[in-house]
Amino acid sequence: MTGVTLAQAFCVVGLGCLWMGWLVLANAPLPRQLRRGSTPVAEKGTPEAFGLFWMDQYGWFGVTLAVLGIVLPVLAFLGVV
């Protein structure tokens, strides 16, 4: 990566994270912890509970990527890096 500054790298990686996070969130629901109203529940140890757990994890993955995708370019534009 000759000639690429850290700020430029943060912008590129950040926008990539934002894109991937958006794709995940477009296909998975928000985690139940972030939803309003009633959320699905299942009895502990059932296959339904396992599925809900993994959908929550996938949703958190998307949220994390989207937040990183916003924070990294902002840090770069503010001159923090």
PDB file of N, CA and C in Angstrom:
ATOM      1  N   MET A   1       0.824  -1.184   0.000  1.00  0.00           N
ATOM      2  CA  MET A   1       0.000   0.000   0.000  1.00  0.00           C
ATOM      3  C   MET A   1       0.867   1.246   0.000  1.00  0.00           C
ATOM      4  N   THR A   2       1.675   1.352  -0.970  1.00  0.00           N
ATOM      5  CA  THR A   2       2.557   2.509  -1.081  1.00  0.00           C
ATOM      6  C   THR A   2       1.756   3.736  -1.478  1.00  0.00           C
ATOM      7  N   GLY A   3       1.967   4.838  -0.758  1.00  0.00           N
ATOM      8  CA  GLY A   3       1.321   6.086  -1.089  1.00  0.00           C
ATOM      9  C   GLY A   3      -0.087   6.250  -0.544  1.00  0.00           C
ATOM     10  N   VAL A   4      -0.551   5.296   0.226  1.00  0.00           N
ATOM     11  CA  VAL A   4      -1.895   5.384   0.805  1.00  0.00           C
ATOM     12  C   VAL A   4      -1.758   5.793   2.262  1.00  0.00           C
ATOM     13  N   THR A   5      -2.447   6.850   2.631  1.00  0.00           N
ATOM     14  CA  THR A   5      -2.387   7.294   4.021  1.00  0.00           C
ATOM     15  C   THR A   5      -3.335   6.467   4.876  1.00  0.00           C
ATOM     16  N   LEU A   6      -3.144   6.544   6.173  1.00  0.00           N
ATOM     17  CA  LEU A   6      -4.022   5.832   7.093  1.00  0.00           C
ATOM     18  C   LEU A   6      -5.450   6.355   6.999  1.00  0.00           C
ATOM     19  N   ALA A   7      -5.600   7.646   6.810  1.00  0.00           N
ATOM     20  CA  ALA A   7      -6.937   8.233   6.674  1.00  0.00           C
ATOM     21  C   ALA A   7      -7.647   7.680   5.433  1.00  0.00           C
ATOM     22  N   GLN A   8      -6.923   7.551   4.334  1.00  0.00           N
ATOM     23  CA  GLN A   8      -7.523   6.994   3.127  1.00  0.00           C
ATOM     24  C   GLN A   8      -7.922   5.532   3.339  1.00  0.00           C
ATOM     25  N   ALA A   9      -7.064   4.799   4.019  1.00  0.00           N
ATOM     26  CA  ALA A   9      -7.382   3.401   4.303  1.00  0.00           C
ATOM     27  C   ALA A   9      -8.607   3.291   5.201  1.00  0.00           C
ATOM     28  N   PHE A  10      -8.712   4.170   6.208  1.00  0.00           N
ATOM     29  CA  PHE A  10      -9.884   4.176   7.083  1.00  0.00           C
ATOM     30  C   PHE A  10     -11.148   4.456   6.277  1.00  0.00           C
ATOM     31  N   CYS A  11     -11.072   5.369   5.325  1.00  0.00           N
ATOM     32  CA  CYS A  11     -12.240   5.674   4.497  1.00  0.00           C
ATOM     33  C   CYS A  11     -12.662   4.468   3.668  1.00  0.00           C
ATOM     34  N   VAL A  12     -11.715   3.830   3.030  1.00  0.00           N
ATOM     35  CA  VAL A  12     -12.024   2.675   2.183  1.00  0.00           C
ATOM     36  C   VAL A  12     -12.576   1.520   3.011  1.00  0.00           C
ATOM     37  N   VAL A  13     -11.904   1.190   4.095  1.00  0.00           N
ATOM     38  CA  VAL A  13     -12.353   0.089   4.942  1.00  0.00           C
ATOM     39  C   VAL A  13     -13.701   0.428   5.580  1.00  0.00           C
ATOM     40  N   GLY A  14     -13.850   1.676   6.011  1.00  0.00           N
ATOM     41  CA  GLY A  14     -15.100   2.090   6.631  1.00  0.00           C
ATOM     42  C   GLY A  14     -16.278   2.001   5.676  1.00  0.00           C
ATOM     43  N   LEU A  15     -16.093   2.458   4.464  1.00  0.00           N
ATOM     44  CA  LEU A  15     -17.187   2.379   3.491  1.00  0.00           C
ATOM     45  C   LEU A  15     -17.494   0.930   3.124  1.00  0.00           C
ATOM     46  N   GLY A  16     -16.472   0.096   3.093  1.00  0.00           N
ATOM     47  CA  GLY A  16     -16.706  -1.332   2.869  1.00  0.00           C
ATOM     48  C   GLY A  16     -17.488  -1.956   4.008  1.00  0.00           C
ATOM     49  N   CYS A  17     -17.159  -1.590   5.237  1.00  0.00           N
ATOM     50  CA  CYS A  17     -17.905  -2.088   6.396  1.00  0.00           C
ATOM     51  C   CYS A  17     -19.349  -1.605   6.356  1.00  0.00           C
ATOM     52  N   LEU A  18     -19.550  -0.344   5.988  1.00  0.00           N
ATOM     53  CA  LEU A  18     -20.901   0.200   5.895  1.00  0.00           C
ATOM     54  C   LEU A  18     -21.719  -0.571   4.857  1.00  0.00           C
ATOM     55  N   TRP A  19     -21.112  -0.849   3.716  1.00  0.00           N
ATOM     56  CA  TRP A  19     -21.801  -1.598   2.661  1.00  0.00           C
ATOM     57  C   TRP A  19     -22.158  -3.008   3.136  1.00  0.00           C
ATOM     58  N   MET A  20     -21.204  -3.700   3.730  1.00  0.00           N
ATOM     59  CA  MET A  20     -21.471  -5.068   4.190  1.00  0.00           C
ATOM     60  C   MET A  20     -22.503  -5.080   5.326  1.00  0.00           C
ATOM     61  N   GLY A  21     -22.403  -4.110   6.244  1.00  0.00           N
ATOM     62  CA  GLY A  21     -23.380  -4.029   7.322  1.00  0.00           C
ATOM     63  C   GLY A  21     -24.775  -3.781   6.791  1.00  0.00           C
ATOM     64  N   TRP A  22     -24.881  -2.910   5.787  1.00  0.00           N
ATOM     65  CA  TRP A  22     -26.176  -2.637   5.177  1.00  0.00           C
ATOM     66  C   TRP A  22     -26.732  -3.894   4.513  1.00  0.00           C
ATOM     67  N   LEU A  23     -25.894  -4.651   3.828  1.00  0.00           N
ATOM     68  CA  LEU A  23     -26.354  -5.882   3.192  1.00  0.00           C
ATOM     69  C   LEU A  23     -26.860  -6.883   4.221  1.00  0.00           C
ATOM     70  N   VAL A  24     -26.159  -7.007   5.333  1.00  0.00           N
ATOM     71  CA  VAL A  24     -26.592  -7.929   6.388  1.00  0.00           C
ATOM     72  C   VAL A  24     -27.923  -7.466   6.962  1.00  0.00           C
ATOM     73  N   LEU A  25     -28.028  -6.178   7.280  1.00  0.00           N
ATOM     74  CA  LEU A  25     -29.259  -5.672   7.881  1.00  0.00           C
ATOM     75  C   LEU A  25     -30.431  -5.696   6.912  1.00  0.00           C
ATOM     76  N   ALA A  26     -30.154  -5.655   5.623  1.00  0.00           N
ATOM     77  CA  ALA A  26     -31.231  -5.744   4.642  1.00  0.00           C
ATOM     78  C   ALA A  26     -31.813  -7.150   4.588  1.00  0.00           C
ATOM     79  N   ASN A  27     -31.049  -8.149   5.005  1.00  0.00           N
ATOM     80  CA  ASN A  27     -31.489  -9.534   4.923  1.00  0.00           C
ATOM     81  C   ASN A  27     -31.798 -10.173   6.266  1.00  0.00           C
ATOM     82  N   ALA A  28     -31.379  -9.556   7.327  1.00  0.00           N
ATOM     83  CA  ALA A  28     -31.626 -10.103   8.666  1.00  0.00           C
ATOM     84  C   ALA A  28     -32.362  -9.048   9.488  1.00  0.00           C
ATOM     85  N   PRO A  29     -33.194  -9.496  10.404  1.00  0.00           N
ATOM     86  CA  PRO A  29     -33.861  -8.516  11.261  1.00  0.00           C
ATOM     87  C   PRO A  29     -32.884  -7.917  12.264  1.00  0.00           C
ATOM     88  N   LEU A  30     -33.273  -6.780  12.808  1.00  0.00           N
ATOM     89  CA  LEU A  30     -32.490  -6.222  13.910  1.00  0.00           C
ATOM     90  C   LEU A  30     -32.492  -7.224  15.056  1.00  0.00           C
ATOM     91  N   PRO A  31     -31.471  -7.216  15.880  1.00  0.00           N
ATOM     92  CA  PRO A  31     -31.487  -8.097  17.046  1.00  0.00           C
ATOM     93  C   PRO A  31     -32.704  -7.795  17.924  1.00  0.00           C
ATOM     94  N   ARG A  32     -33.215  -8.808  18.590  1.00  0.00           N
ATOM     95  CA  ARG A  32     -34.406  -8.627  19.436  1.00  0.00           C
ATOM     96  C   ARG A  32     -34.184  -7.580  20.511  1.00  0.00           C
ATOM     97  N   GLN A  33     -32.941  -7.390  20.955  1.00  0.00           N
ATOM     98  CA  GLN A  33     -32.650  -6.409  21.995  1.00  0.00           C
ATOM     99  C   GLN A  33     -32.884  -4.986  21.507  1.00  0.00           C
ATOM    100  N   LEU A  34     -32.887  -4.746  20.211  1.00  0.00           N
ATOM    101  CA  LEU A  34     -33.056  -3.409  19.652  1.00  0.00           C
ATOM    102  C   LEU A  34     -34.455  -3.172  19.084  1.00  0.00           C
ATOM    103  N   ARG A  35     -35.313  -4.174  19.111  1.00  0.00           N
ATOM    104  CA  ARG A  35     -36.652  -4.038  18.542  1.00  0.00           C
ATOM    105  C   ARG A  35     -37.640  -3.539  19.585  1.00  0.00           C
ATOM    106  N   ARG A  36     -38.642  -2.827  19.105  1.00  0.00           N
ATOM    107  CA  ARG A  36     -39.724  -2.376  19.971  1.00  0.00           C
ATOM    108  C   ARG A  36     -40.871  -3.381  19.917  1.00  0.00           C
ATOM    109  N   GLY A  37     -41.702  -3.333  20.915  1.00  0.00           N
ATOM    110  CA  GLY A  37     -42.882  -4.187  20.918  1.00  0.00           C
ATOM    111  C   GLY A  37     -42.548  -5.626  21.264  1.00  0.00           C
ATOM    112  N   SER A  38     -43.473  -6.488  20.907  1.00  0.00           N
ATOM    113  CA  SER A  38     -43.276  -7.900  21.236  1.00  0.00           C
ATOM    114  C   SER A  38     -42.257  -8.523  20.286  1.00  0.00           C
ATOM    115  N   THR A  39     -41.438  -9.370  20.835  1.00  0.00           N
ATOM    116  CA  THR A  39     -40.430 -10.078  20.046  1.00  0.00           C
ATOM    117  C   THR A  39     -40.649 -11.567  20.213  1.00  0.00           C
ATOM    118  N   PRO A  40     -40.246 -12.349  19.227  1.00  0.00           N
ATOM    119  CA  PRO A  40     -40.433 -13.788  19.334  1.00  0.00           C
ATOM    120  C   PRO A  40     -39.591 -14.377  20.469  1.00  0.00           C
ATOM    121  N   VAL A  41     -40.159 -15.324  21.158  1.00  0.00           N
ATOM    122  CA  VAL A  41     -39.446 -16.050  22.209  1.00  0.00           C
ATOM    123  C   VAL A  41     -39.646 -17.539  21.972  1.00  0.00           C
ATOM    124  N   ALA A  42     -38.733 -18.323  22.491  1.00  0.00           N
ATOM    125  CA  ALA A  42     -38.827 -19.778  22.370  1.00  0.00           C
ATOM    126  C   ALA A  42     -38.303 -20.398  23.659  1.00  0.00           C
ATOM    127  N   GLU A  43     -38.771 -21.582  23.928  1.00  0.00           N
ATOM    128  CA  GLU A  43     -38.335 -22.288  25.127  1.00  0.00           C
ATOM    129  C   GLU A  43     -36.859 -22.655  25.003  1.00  0.00           C
ATOM    130  N   LYS A  44     -36.156 -22.498  26.125  1.00  0.00           N
ATOM    131  CA  LYS A  44     -34.721 -22.762  26.147  1.00  0.00           C
ATOM    132  C   LYS A  44     -34.430 -24.198  25.715  1.00  0.00           C
ATOM    133  N   GLY A  45     -33.410 -24.340  24.867  1.00  0.00           N
ATOM    134  CA  GLY A  45     -32.963 -25.658  24.427  1.00  0.00           C
ATOM    135  C   GLY A  45     -33.673 -26.189  23.198  1.00  0.00           C
ATOM    136  N   THR A  46     -34.602 -25.446  22.642  1.00  0.00           N
ATOM    137  CA  THR A  46     -35.324 -25.911  21.459  1.00  0.00           C
ATOM    138  C   THR A  46     -34.623 -25.433  20.191  1.00  0.00           C
ATOM    139  N   PRO A  47     -34.918 -26.082  19.079  1.00  0.00           N
ATOM    140  CA  PRO A  47     -34.340 -25.618  17.811  1.00  0.00           C
ATOM    141  C   PRO A  47     -34.771 -24.183  17.468  1.00  0.00           C
ATOM    142  N   GLU A  48     -35.968 -23.802  17.871  1.00  0.00           N
ATOM    143  CA  GLU A  48     -36.428 -22.436  17.617  1.00  0.00           C
ATOM    144  C   GLU A  48     -35.579 -21.426  18.379  1.00  0.00           C
ATOM    145  N   ALA A  49     -35.230 -21.740  19.623  1.00  0.00           N
ATOM    146  CA  ALA A  49     -34.378 -20.849  20.420  1.00  0.00           C
ATOM    147  C   ALA A  49     -32.997 -20.737  19.780  1.00  0.00           C
ATOM    148  N   PHE A  50     -32.496 -21.838  19.265  1.00  0.00           N
ATOM    149  CA  PHE A  50     -31.196 -21.824  18.586  1.00  0.00           C
ATOM    150  C   PHE A  50     -31.259 -20.921  17.363  1.00  0.00           C
ATOM    151  N   GLY A  51     -32.325 -21.021  16.583  1.00  0.00           N
ATOM    152  CA  GLY A  51     -32.482 -20.175  15.403  1.00  0.00           C
ATOM    153  C   GLY A  51     -32.592 -18.702  15.763  1.00  0.00           C
ATOM    154  N   LEU A  52     -33.339 -18.389  16.823  1.00  0.00           N
ATOM    155  CA  LEU A  52     -33.454 -16.996  17.268  1.00  0.00           C
ATOM    156  C   LEU A  52     -32.104 -16.458  17.715  1.00  0.00           C
ATOM    157  N   PHE A  53     -31.346 -17.282  18.432  1.00  0.00           N
ATOM    158  CA  PHE A  53     -30.015 -16.879  18.873  1.00  0.00           C
ATOM    159  C   PHE A  53     -29.138 -16.506  17.687  1.00  0.00           C
ATOM    160  N   TRP A  54     -29.117 -17.349  16.653  1.00  0.00           N
ATOM    161  CA  TRP A  54     -28.245 -17.082  15.521  1.00  0.00           C
ATOM    162  C   TRP A  54     -28.731 -15.905  14.683  1.00  0.00           C
ATOM    163  N   MET A  55     -30.026 -15.697  14.605  1.00  0.00           N
ATOM    164  CA  MET A  55     -30.517 -14.513  13.900  1.00  0.00           C
ATOM    165  C   MET A  55     -30.137 -13.244  14.658  1.00  0.00           C
ATOM    166  N   ASP A  56     -30.183 -13.305  15.996  1.00  0.00           N
ATOM    167  CA  ASP A  56     -29.726 -12.165  16.790  1.00  0.00           C
ATOM    168  C   ASP A  56     -28.240 -11.903  16.555  1.00  0.00           C
ATOM    169  N   GLN A  57     -27.436 -12.949  16.528  1.00  0.00           N
ATOM    170  CA  GLN A  57     -26.004 -12.782  16.306  1.00  0.00           C
ATOM    171  C   GLN A  57     -25.730 -12.176  14.933  1.00  0.00           C
ATOM    172  N   TYR A  58     -26.453 -12.633  13.937  1.00  0.00           N
ATOM    173  CA  TYR A  58     -26.293 -12.108  12.576  1.00  0.00           C
ATOM    174  C   TYR A  58     -26.689 -10.635  12.536  1.00  0.00           C
ATOM    175  N   GLY A  59     -27.774 -10.291  13.233  1.00  0.00           N
ATOM    176  CA  GLY A  59     -28.193  -8.898  13.304  1.00  0.00           C
ATOM    177  C   GLY A  59     -27.160  -8.020  13.988  1.00  0.00           C
ATOM    178  N   TRP A  60     -26.582  -8.508  15.094  1.00  0.00           N
ATOM    179  CA  TRP A  60     -25.536  -7.736  15.780  1.00  0.00           C
ATOM    180  C   TRP A  60     -24.306  -7.566  14.899  1.00  0.00           C
ATOM    181  N   PHE A  61     -23.987  -8.582  14.118  1.00  0.00           N
ATOM    182  CA  PHE A  61     -22.872  -8.490  13.179  1.00  0.00           C
ATOM    183  C   PHE A  61     -23.122  -7.358  12.181  1.00  0.00           C
ATOM    184  N   GLY A  62     -24.319  -7.282  11.647  1.00  0.00           N
ATOM    185  CA  GLY A  62     -24.661  -6.221  10.717  1.00  0.00           C
ATOM    186  C   GLY A  62     -24.629  -4.845  11.360  1.00  0.00           C
ATOM    187  N   VAL A  63     -25.149  -4.737  12.582  1.00  0.00           N
ATOM    188  CA  VAL A  63     -25.138  -3.454  13.294  1.00  0.00           C
ATOM    189  C   VAL A  63     -23.700  -3.010  13.545  1.00  0.00           C
ATOM    190  N   THR A  64     -22.855  -3.939  13.985  1.00  0.00           N
ATOM    191  CA  THR A  64     -21.461  -3.607  14.267  1.00  0.00           C
ATOM    192  C   THR A  64     -20.737  -3.131  13.015  1.00  0.00           C
ATOM    193  N   LEU A  65     -20.935  -3.832  11.912  1.00  0.00           N
ATOM    194  CA  LEU A  65     -20.293  -3.414  10.660  1.00  0.00           C
ATOM    195  C   LEU A  65     -20.790  -2.041  10.219  1.00  0.00           C
ATOM    196  N   ALA A  66     -22.085  -1.807  10.337  1.00  0.00           N
ATOM    197  CA  ALA A  66     -22.637  -0.513   9.918  1.00  0.00           C
ATOM    198  C   ALA A  66     -22.096   0.623  10.786  1.00  0.00           C
ATOM    199  N   VAL A  67     -21.998   0.404  12.087  1.00  0.00           N
ATOM    200  CA  VAL A  67     -21.466   1.440  12.975  1.00  0.00           C
ATOM    201  C   VAL A  67     -19.997   1.703  12.657  1.00  0.00           C
ATOM    202  N   LEU A  68     -19.215   0.645  12.476  1.00  0.00           N
ATOM    203  CA  LEU A  68     -17.812   0.829  12.087  1.00  0.00           C
ATOM    204  C   LEU A  68     -17.709   1.568  10.756  1.00  0.00           C
ATOM    205  N   GLY A  69     -18.618   1.262   9.846  1.00  0.00           N
ATOM    206  CA  GLY A  69     -18.617   1.909   8.551  1.00  0.00           C
ATOM    207  C   GLY A  69     -18.915   3.393   8.626  1.00  0.00           C
ATOM    208  N   ILE A  70     -19.580   3.818   9.668  1.00  0.00           N
ATOM    209  CA  ILE A  70     -19.835   5.243   9.864  1.00  0.00           C
ATOM    210  C   ILE A  70     -18.692   5.888  10.640  1.00  0.00           C
ATOM    211  N   VAL A  71     -18.209   5.207  11.669  1.00  0.00           N
ATOM    212  CA  VAL A  71     -17.202   5.787  12.565  1.00  0.00           C
ATOM    213  C   VAL A  71     -15.841   5.940  11.881  1.00  0.00           C
ATOM    214  N   LEU A  72     -15.381   4.949  11.142  1.00  0.00           N
ATOM    215  CA  LEU A  72     -14.048   5.008  10.555  1.00  0.00           C
ATOM    216  C   LEU A  72     -13.862   6.176   9.583  1.00  0.00           C
ATOM    217  N   PRO A  73     -14.756   6.399   8.629  1.00  0.00           N
ATOM    218  CA  PRO A  73     -14.573   7.568   7.762  1.00  0.00           C
ATOM    219  C   PRO A  73     -14.710   8.892   8.516  1.00  0.00           C
ATOM    220  N   VAL A  74     -15.582   8.944   9.512  1.00  0.00           N
ATOM    221  CA  VAL A  74     -15.713  10.169  10.293  1.00  0.00           C
ATOM    222  C   VAL A  74     -14.407  10.481  11.009  1.00  0.00           C
ATOM    223  N   LEU A  75     -13.779   9.467  11.578  1.00  0.00           N
ATOM    224  CA  LEU A  75     -12.467   9.661  12.231  1.00  0.00           C
ATOM    225  C   LEU A  75     -11.431  10.160  11.227  1.00  0.00           C
ATOM    226  N   ALA A  76     -11.482   9.608  10.032  1.00  0.00           N
ATOM    227  CA  ALA A  76     -10.532  10.013   8.995  1.00  0.00           C
ATOM    228  C   ALA A  76     -10.758  11.467   8.579  1.00  0.00           C
ATOM    229  N   PHE A  77     -12.031  11.851   8.401  1.00  0.00           N
ATOM    230  CA  PHE A  77     -12.336  13.222   7.970  1.00  0.00           C
ATOM    231  C   PHE A  77     -12.050  14.243   9.063  1.00  0.00           C
ATOM    232  N   LEU A  78     -12.181  13.835  10.325  1.00  0.00           N
ATOM    233  CA  LEU A  78     -11.877  14.736  11.431  1.00  0.00           C
ATOM    234  C   LEU A  78     -10.385  14.860  11.684  1.00  0.00           C
ATOM    235  N   GLY A  79      -9.595  14.032  11.047  1.00  0.00           N
ATOM    236  CA  GLY A  79      -8.145  14.108  11.200  1.00  0.00           C
ATOM    237  C   GLY A  79      -7.638  13.422  12.441  1.00  0.00           C
ATOM    238  N   VAL A  80      -8.430  12.528  13.011  1.00  0.00           N
ATOM    239  CA  VAL A  80      -7.997  11.812  14.226  1.00  0.00           C
ATOM    240  C   VAL A  80      -6.902  10.812  13.890  1.00  0.00           C
ATOM    241  N   VAL A  81      -6.948  10.247  12.699  1.00  0.00           N
ATOM    242  CA  VAL A  81      -5.906   9.286  12.295  1.00  0.00           C
ATOM    243  C   VAL A  81      -5.009   9.879  11.239  1.00  0.00           C
TER     244      VAL A  81
END
